[in-house]
Amino acid sequence: MSTGPGELRIGQGIDVHHFSDDDGRPLVLGGVVITGDGAQGLEGHSDADAVAHAVSDAVLGAAGLGDLGRHAPDTDPQWKGADSMTLLARVVELAREGGWSPVNADCTVVAERPRLSPFVDRMAQRLAAVLGAPVNVKATRAEGLGALGRAEGIACTAVVLLSSVDRGDDRSGDSGGDAR
């Protein structure tokens, strides 16, 4: 499907991970290692960065490229312990190859613990550097409801807006010139 410069698409992503039993596993969110306040790492094939995963899925969704599991399946040994910010950078590159550029992103992290407000600005900065666009990160609690409220894990939702860019080629096949 051909798009013109300036066309907008929105994508959403969600990721959920339960806390790991491995006391040595760091908690990484938005490319930031979270410390203090009983911070416990998340279980996952990669570094389990739920924020980076949600943003990646949102980028892929907006670009019409499926989901992160298609591009970095948890059954593939090459992604074992992977840095999710590297995965996000690859996803952004795939979107750019498809003619899409990030405009902005908005994320909400749901966690009873640890307290994330001291870290959200750094998360936003790290994500923005990889996305190449402004990112807003918010943290909230599940107020004791369900698995998240019982502090069994962390979830993140993300929305990303992409804009089509002129890639210097004409994907419609019309050269724009006189075909006489």
C-alpha atoms as a PDB file:
ATOM      1  CA  MET A   1       0.000   0.000   0.000  1.00  0.00           C
ATOM      2  CA  SER A   2       1.422   3.341  -1.027  1.00  0.00           C
ATOM      3  CA  THR A   3       1.470   6.238   1.401  1.00  0.00           C
ATOM      4  CA  GLY A   4       2.087   9.906   0.877  1.00  0.00           C
ATOM      5  CA  PRO A   5       4.469  12.041   2.932  1.00  0.00           C
ATOM      6  CA  GLY A   6       2.934  13.138   6.210  1.00  0.00           C
ATOM      7  CA  GLU A   7       0.425  10.293   6.542  1.00  0.00           C
ATOM      8  CA  LEU A   8       0.006   9.388  10.210  1.00  0.00           C
ATOM      9  CA  ARG A   9      -0.431   5.989  11.827  1.00  0.00           C
ATOM     10  CA  ILE A  10      -0.839   5.131  15.481  1.00  0.00           C
ATOM     11  CA  GLY A  11       0.148   1.873  17.135  1.00  0.00           C
ATOM     12  CA  GLN A  12      -0.307   0.504  20.594  1.00  0.00           C
ATOM     13  CA  GLY A  13       1.719  -2.003  22.550  1.00  0.00           C
ATOM     14  CA  ILE A  14       1.375  -3.804  25.833  1.00  0.00           C
ATOM     15  CA  ASP A  15       3.791  -6.019  27.692  1.00  0.00           C
ATOM     16  CA  VAL A  16       3.533  -7.850  31.001  1.00  0.00           C
ATOM     17  CA  HIS A  17       6.218  -9.762  32.905  1.00  0.00           C
ATOM     18  CA  HIS A  18       6.133 -11.424  36.289  1.00  0.00           C
ATOM     19  CA  PHE A  19       8.939 -10.934  38.754  1.00  0.00           C
ATOM     20  CA  SER A  20      11.869 -13.331  38.509  1.00  0.00           C
ATOM     21  CA  ASP A  21      12.930 -15.670  41.317  1.00  0.00           C
ATOM     22  CA  ASP A  22      16.549 -14.894  40.380  1.00  0.00           C
ATOM     23  CA  ASP A  23      17.773 -12.415  43.009  1.00  0.00           C
ATOM     24  CA  GLY A  24      20.691 -11.457  40.754  1.00  0.00           C
ATOM     25  CA  ARG A  25      18.516 -10.399  37.806  1.00  0.00           C
ATOM     26  CA  PRO A  26      18.308  -6.596  37.501  1.00  0.00           C
ATOM     27  CA  LEU A  27      15.046  -4.749  36.941  1.00  0.00           C
ATOM     28  CA  VAL A  28      15.368  -2.909  33.635  1.00  0.00           C
ATOM     29  CA  LEU A  29      12.618  -0.580  32.435  1.00  0.00           C
ATOM     30  CA  GLY A  30      12.945   1.846  29.551  1.00  0.00           C
ATOM     31  CA  GLY A  31      16.645   1.042  29.349  1.00  0.00           C
ATOM     32  CA  VAL A  32      17.204   2.114  32.959  1.00  0.00           C
ATOM     33  CA  VAL A  33      18.304  -0.227  35.759  1.00  0.00           C
ATOM     34  CA  ILE A  34      15.851   0.358  38.597  1.00  0.00           C
ATOM     35  CA  THR A  35      17.354   0.128  42.076  1.00  0.00           C
ATOM     36  CA  GLY A  36      16.149   0.373  45.661  1.00  0.00           C
ATOM     37  CA  ASP A  37      12.677  -0.037  47.114  1.00  0.00           C
ATOM     38  CA  GLY A  38      12.788  -3.828  46.749  1.00  0.00           C
ATOM     39  CA  ALA A  39      13.468  -3.708  43.004  1.00  0.00           C
ATOM     40  CA  GLN A  40      13.346  -7.230  41.612  1.00  0.00           C
ATOM     41  CA  GLY A  41      14.120  -8.253  38.024  1.00  0.00           C
ATOM     42  CA  LEU A  42      11.471  -9.490  35.632  1.00  0.00           C
ATOM     43  CA  GLU A  43      11.326 -12.960  34.125  1.00  0.00           C
ATOM     44  CA  GLY A  44      11.874 -13.107  30.390  1.00  0.00           C
ATOM     45  CA  HIS A  45      13.953 -14.444  27.517  1.00  0.00           C
ATOM     46  CA  SER A  46      15.652 -11.076  26.929  1.00  0.00           C
ATOM     47  CA  ASP A  47      16.298  -8.518  29.681  1.00  0.00           C
ATOM     48  CA  ALA A  48      12.482  -8.427  30.114  1.00  0.00           C
ATOM     49  CA  ASP A  49      12.262  -4.632  29.717  1.00  0.00           C
ATOM     50  CA  ALA A  50       8.466  -4.357  29.586  1.00  0.00           C
ATOM     51  CA  VAL A  51       8.613  -0.663  28.653  1.00  0.00           C
ATOM     52  CA  ALA A  52      10.937  -1.161  25.671  1.00  0.00           C
ATOM     53  CA  HIS A  53       8.858  -4.164  24.577  1.00  0.00           C
ATOM     54  CA  ALA A  54       5.579  -2.206  24.691  1.00  0.00           C
ATOM     55  CA  VAL A  55       7.113   0.675  22.720  1.00  0.00           C
ATOM     56  CA  SER A  56       8.563  -1.799  20.191  1.00  0.00           C
ATOM     57  CA  ASP A  57       5.167  -3.420  19.676  1.00  0.00           C
ATOM     58  CA  ALA A  58       3.560   0.008  19.255  1.00  0.00           C
ATOM     59  CA  VAL A  59       6.114   1.003  16.584  1.00  0.00           C
ATOM     60  CA  LEU A  60       5.685  -2.302  14.767  1.00  0.00           C
ATOM     61  CA  GLY A  61       1.895  -2.061  14.935  1.00  0.00           C
ATOM     62  CA  ALA A  62       1.807   1.464  13.537  1.00  0.00           C
ATOM     63  CA  ALA A  63       4.167   0.473  10.726  1.00  0.00           C
ATOM     64  CA  GLY A  64       2.084  -2.620   9.926  1.00  0.00           C
ATOM     65  CA  LEU A  65       4.984  -4.952  10.718  1.00  0.00           C
ATOM     66  CA  GLY A  66       3.389  -7.357  13.179  1.00  0.00           C
ATOM     67  CA  ASP A  67       4.713  -7.682  16.711  1.00  0.00           C
ATOM     68  CA  LEU A  68       7.992  -8.106  18.547  1.00  0.00           C
ATOM     69  CA  GLY A  69       7.487 -11.875  18.819  1.00  0.00           C
ATOM     70  CA  ARG A  70       7.630 -12.111  15.029  1.00  0.00           C
ATOM     71  CA  HIS A  71      10.935 -10.229  14.834  1.00  0.00           C
ATOM     72  CA  ALA A  72      12.623 -11.489  18.031  1.00  0.00           C
ATOM     73  CA  PRO A  73      10.885 -14.713  19.127  1.00  0.00           C
ATOM     74  CA  ASP A  74      11.552 -15.954  22.645  1.00  0.00           C
ATOM     75  CA  THR A  75      12.293 -19.367  21.157  1.00  0.00           C
ATOM     76  CA  ASP A  76      15.359 -18.032  19.312  1.00  0.00           C
ATOM     77  CA  PRO A  77      18.593 -18.408  21.324  1.00  0.00           C
ATOM     78  CA  GLN A  78      20.087 -15.266  19.729  1.00  0.00           C
ATOM     79  CA  TRP A  79      17.680 -13.135  21.804  1.00  0.00           C
ATOM     80  CA  LYS A  80      18.544 -14.805  25.134  1.00  0.00           C
ATOM     81  CA  GLY A  81      19.474 -11.993  27.525  1.00  0.00           C
ATOM     82  CA  ALA A  82      19.188  -9.400  24.731  1.00  0.00           C
ATOM     83  CA  ASP A  83      19.213  -5.693  25.546  1.00  0.00           C
ATOM     84  CA  SER A  84      15.665  -4.593  24.730  1.00  0.00           C
ATOM     85  CA  MET A  85      16.837  -1.103  23.800  1.00  0.00           C
ATOM     86  CA  THR A  86      18.865  -2.743  21.016  1.00  0.00           C
ATOM     87  CA  LEU A  87      15.685  -4.543  19.941  1.00  0.00           C
ATOM     88  CA  LEU A  88      13.829  -1.217  19.975  1.00  0.00           C
ATOM     89  CA  ALA A  89      16.543   0.377  17.829  1.00  0.00           C
ATOM     90  CA  ARG A  90      16.158  -2.467  15.307  1.00  0.00           C
ATOM     91  CA  VAL A  91      12.371  -2.044  15.288  1.00  0.00           C
ATOM     92  CA  VAL A  92      12.715   1.701  14.656  1.00  0.00           C
ATOM     93  CA  GLU A  93      15.100   0.921  11.780  1.00  0.00           C
ATOM     94  CA  LEU A  94      12.563  -1.519  10.292  1.00  0.00           C
ATOM     95  CA  ALA A  95       9.870   1.167  10.481  1.00  0.00           C
ATOM     96  CA  ARG A  96      12.199   3.701   8.821  1.00  0.00           C
ATOM     97  CA  GLU A  97      12.991   1.192   6.057  1.00  0.00           C
ATOM     98  CA  GLY A  98       9.243   0.970   5.496  1.00  0.00           C
ATOM     99  CA  GLY A  99       8.993   4.750   5.159  1.00  0.00           C
ATOM    100  CA  TRP A 100       7.863   5.602   8.707  1.00  0.00           C
ATOM    101  CA  SER A 101       9.361   7.963  11.254  1.00  0.00           C
ATOM    102  CA  PRO A 102       8.374   8.218  14.934  1.00  0.00           C
ATOM    103  CA  VAL A 103       6.607  11.436  15.939  1.00  0.00           C
ATOM    104  CA  ASN A 104       6.150  10.708  19.656  1.00  0.00           C
ATOM    105  CA  ALA A 105       5.385   7.986  22.189  1.00  0.00           C
ATOM    106  CA  ASP A 106       3.443   7.814  25.441  1.00  0.00           C
ATOM    107  CA  CYS A 107       3.899   4.991  27.961  1.00  0.00           C
ATOM    108  CA  THR A 108       2.214   3.999  31.204  1.00  0.00           C
ATOM    109  CA  VAL A 109       3.959   1.553  33.552  1.00  0.00           C
ATOM    110  CA  VAL A 110       1.745  -0.271  36.061  1.00  0.00           C
ATOM    111  CA  ALA A 111       3.617  -1.482  39.144  1.00  0.00           C
ATOM    112  CA  GLU A 112       2.829  -1.705  42.849  1.00  0.00           C
ATOM    113  CA  ARG A 113       6.510  -1.770  43.570  1.00  0.00           C
ATOM    114  CA  PRO A 114       9.105  -0.465  43.278  1.00  0.00           C
ATOM    115  CA  ARG A 115       8.244   3.221  43.242  1.00  0.00           C
ATOM    116  CA  LEU A 116       9.099   4.321  39.695  1.00  0.00           C
ATOM    117  CA  SER A 117       8.574   8.085  39.773  1.00  0.00           C
ATOM    118  CA  PRO A 118      12.301   8.763  40.440  1.00  0.00           C
ATOM    119  CA  PHE A 119      13.153   6.918  37.202  1.00  0.00           C
ATOM    120  CA  VAL A 120      10.522   7.994  34.652  1.00  0.00           C
ATOM    121  CA  ASP A 121      12.441  11.011  33.335  1.00  0.00           C
ATOM    122  CA  ARG A 122      15.551   8.896  32.657  1.00  0.00           C
ATOM    123  CA  MET A 123      13.397   6.235  30.988  1.00  0.00           C
ATOM    124  CA  ALA A 124      11.837   8.889  28.749  1.00  0.00           C
ATOM    125  CA  GLN A 125      15.270  10.251  27.823  1.00  0.00           C
ATOM    126  CA  ARG A 126      16.693   6.804  26.988  1.00  0.00           C
ATOM    127  CA  LEU A 127      13.645   5.847  24.936  1.00  0.00           C
ATOM    128  CA  ALA A 128      13.595   9.208  23.112  1.00  0.00           C
ATOM    129  CA  ALA A 129      17.258   8.815  22.165  1.00  0.00           C
ATOM    130  CA  VAL A 130      16.510   5.466  20.506  1.00  0.00           C
ATOM    131  CA  LEU A 131      13.153   6.462  19.025  1.00  0.00           C
ATOM    132  CA  GLY A 132      14.417   9.798  17.719  1.00  0.00           C
ATOM    133  CA  ALA A 133      11.251  11.462  18.986  1.00  0.00           C
ATOM    134  CA  PRO A 134       9.792  12.761  22.267  1.00  0.00           C
ATOM    135  CA  VAL A 135       8.657  10.125  24.765  1.00  0.00           C
ATOM    136  CA  ASN A 136       6.489  10.556  27.841  1.00  0.00           C
ATOM    137  CA  VAL A 137       6.608   7.916  30.599  1.00  0.00           C
ATOM    138  CA  LYS A 138       4.107   7.735  33.443  1.00  0.00           C
ATOM    139  CA  ALA A 139       3.945   5.328  36.383  1.00  0.00           C
ATOM    140  CA  THR A 140       0.840   4.210  38.209  1.00  0.00           C
ATOM    141  CA  ARG A 141      -0.280   1.489  40.603  1.00  0.00           C
ATOM    142  CA  ALA A 142      -2.981  -1.156  40.262  1.00  0.00           C
ATOM    143  CA  GLU A 143      -4.199  -0.200  43.751  1.00  0.00           C
ATOM    144  CA  GLY A 144      -4.087  -3.778  45.028  1.00  0.00           C
ATOM    145  CA  LEU A 145      -6.262  -5.211  42.243  1.00  0.00           C
ATOM    146  CA  GLY A 146      -5.332  -8.448  40.479  1.00  0.00           C
ATOM    147  CA  ALA A 147      -1.872  -9.901  39.858  1.00  0.00           C
ATOM    148  CA  LEU A 148      -0.325  -6.476  39.290  1.00  0.00           C
ATOM    149  CA  GLY A 149      -1.924  -5.174  42.468  1.00  0.00           C
ATOM    150  CA  ARG A 150      -0.485  -8.129  44.389  1.00  0.00           C
ATOM    151  CA  ALA A 151       2.952  -7.066  43.074  1.00  0.00           C
ATOM    152  CA  GLU A 152       3.424 -10.255  41.048  1.00  0.00           C
ATOM    153  CA  GLY A 153       4.862  -8.339  38.100  1.00  0.00           C
ATOM    154  CA  ILE A 154       4.863  -5.211  35.987  1.00  0.00           C
ATOM    155  CA  ALA A 155       2.905  -4.169  32.901  1.00  0.00           C
ATOM    156  CA  CYS A 156       3.381  -1.369  30.421  1.00  0.00           C
ATOM    157  CA  THR A 157       1.195   0.110  27.714  1.00  0.00           C
ATOM    158  CA  ALA A 158       2.532   2.337  24.969  1.00  0.00           C
ATOM    159  CA  VAL A 159       1.153   4.377  22.106  1.00  0.00           C
ATOM    160  CA  VAL A 160       3.385   5.554  19.256  1.00  0.00           C
ATOM    161  CA  LEU A 161       2.576   7.944  16.442  1.00  0.00           C
ATOM    162  CA  LEU A 162       4.441   7.479  13.156  1.00  0.00           C
ATOM    163  CA  SER A 163       4.537   9.754  10.139  1.00  0.00           C
ATOM    164  CA  SER A 164       5.287   8.602   6.610  1.00  0.00           C
ATOM    165  CA  VAL A 165       8.373  10.125   5.095  1.00  0.00           C
ATOM    166  CA  ASP A 166       9.426  10.735   1.529  1.00  0.00           C
ATOM    167  CA  ARG A 167      11.991   8.017   0.928  1.00  0.00           C
ATOM    168  CA  GLY A 168      13.115   9.547  -2.338  1.00  0.00           C
ATOM    169  CA  ASP A 169      11.463   6.805  -4.369  1.00  0.00           C
ATOM    170  CA  ASP A 170       7.998   6.495  -5.779  1.00  0.00           C
ATOM    171  CA  ARG A 171       6.384   3.355  -4.429  1.00  0.00           C
ATOM    172  CA  SER A 172       3.301   3.801  -6.627  1.00  0.00           C
ATOM    173  CA  GLY A 173       5.180   3.172  -9.880  1.00  0.00           C
ATOM    174  CA  ASP A 174       4.265   6.580 -11.320  1.00  0.00           C
ATOM    175  CA  SER A 175       7.472   8.279 -12.354  1.00  0.00           C
ATOM    176  CA  GLY A 176       5.759  11.669 -12.411  1.00  0.00           C
ATOM    177  CA  GLY A 177       7.270  12.345 -15.836  1.00  0.00           C
ATOM    178  CA  ASP A 178       5.775  12.425 -19.295  1.00  0.00           C
ATOM    179  CA  ALA A 179       5.668   8.816 -20.549  1.00  0.00           C
ATOM    180  CA  ARG A 180       5.292   9.764 -24.251  1.00  0.00           C
END
